[in-house]
Protein backbone atom coordinates (compact mmCIF):
# COMPACT_ATOMS: atom_id res chain seq x y z
CA UNK A 1 0.00 0.00 0.00
CA UNK A 2 1.28 3.47 -0.85
CA UNK A 3 1.77 5.82 2.09
CA UNK A 4 -0.03 8.67 0.34
CA UNK A 5 -3.21 6.63 0.09
CA UNK A 6 -3.86 6.13 3.79
CA UNK A 7 -7.17 7.06 5.34
CA UNK A 8 -5.51 8.72 8.33
CA UNK A 9 -4.43 11.81 6.42
CA UNK A 10 -6.09 15.13 7.17
CA UNK A 11 -8.00 16.49 4.16
CA UNK A 12 -6.63 19.66 2.62
CA UNK A 13 -8.54 22.86 3.22
CA UNK A 14 -9.91 24.69 0.21
CA UNK A 15 -8.19 27.89 -0.85
CA UNK A 16 -10.10 31.14 -0.59
CA UNK A 17 -10.45 32.91 -3.92
CA UNK A 18 -9.73 36.62 -3.69
CA UNK A 19 -10.79 38.87 -6.54
CA UNK A 20 -8.47 41.86 -6.70
CA UNK A 21 -9.56 43.18 -10.06
CA UNK A 22 -11.44 46.37 -10.75
CA UNK A 23 -15.01 46.17 -12.08
CA UNK A 24 -15.65 46.07 -15.80
CA UNK A 25 -17.11 49.16 -17.42
CA UNK A 26 -18.59 49.92 -20.79
CA UNK A 27 -17.32 52.48 -23.25
CA UNK A 28 -18.67 55.99 -22.87
CA UNK A 29 -21.18 56.91 -25.54
CA UNK A 30 -22.62 60.26 -26.50
CA UNK A 31 -26.23 60.16 -27.68
CA UNK A 32 -27.09 61.43 -31.14
CA UNK A 33 -29.37 64.39 -31.62
CA UNK A 34 -32.18 65.59 -33.83
CA UNK A 35 -32.33 69.32 -33.23
CA UNK A 36 -35.43 70.97 -34.65
CA UNK A 37 -36.25 73.71 -32.11
CA UNK A 38 -35.14 75.18 -28.79
CA UNK A 39 -36.78 72.38 -26.81
CA UNK A 40 -34.81 69.84 -28.84
CA UNK A 41 -31.63 71.76 -28.00
CA UNK A 42 -32.49 71.68 -24.29
CA UNK A 43 -33.32 67.95 -24.46
CA UNK A 44 -30.05 67.27 -26.27
CA UNK A 45 -28.11 69.26 -23.66
CA UNK A 46 -29.73 67.29 -20.81
CA UNK A 47 -29.08 63.93 -22.51
CA UNK A 48 -25.46 64.89 -23.18
CA UNK A 49 -24.94 66.06 -19.60
CA UNK A 50 -26.42 62.80 -18.27
CA UNK A 51 -24.13 60.75 -20.54
CA UNK A 52 -21.03 62.65 -19.40
CA UNK A 53 -21.99 62.30 -15.73
CA UNK A 54 -22.47 58.54 -16.15
CA UNK A 55 -19.13 58.27 -17.94
CA UNK A 56 -17.35 60.34 -15.28
CA UNK A 57 -18.81 58.14 -12.54
CA UNK A 58 -17.37 55.04 -14.23
CA UNK A 59 -13.95 56.69 -14.59
CA UNK A 60 -14.00 57.73 -10.92
CA UNK A 61 -14.98 54.19 -9.86
CA UNK A 62 -12.06 52.66 -11.79
CA UNK A 63 -9.61 55.31 -10.55
CA UNK A 64 -10.66 54.63 -6.94
CA UNK A 65 -10.30 50.88 -7.44
CA UNK A 66 -6.83 51.28 -8.97
CA UNK A 67 -5.78 53.63 -6.15
CA UNK A 68 -6.91 51.03 -3.59
CA UNK A 69 -4.99 48.27 -5.40
CA UNK A 70 -1.87 50.43 -5.58
CA UNK A 71 -2.13 51.19 -1.86
CA UNK A 72 -2.44 47.48 -1.05
CA UNK A 73 0.60 46.75 -3.21
CA UNK A 74 2.71 49.42 -1.47
CA UNK A 75 1.79 48.20 2.02
CA UNK A 76 2.10 44.48 1.24
CA UNK A 77 4.93 42.75 3.13
């Protein structure tokens, strides 16, 4: 009988999986427009502002994640 096949051995513990990656984001898109009057211009402005705010929030989220990863790397033993 092989010594590695004995029943008396303690089972190995499972390794904990740690995800250290930043979240995935989508590309920023700017909506098209169909300007026909002043209200269309205002609607286009609001849609464009919303798109830029959404894009900026994604960039900030990734920048924060990368800063946190860099901080962990600097303080790691």
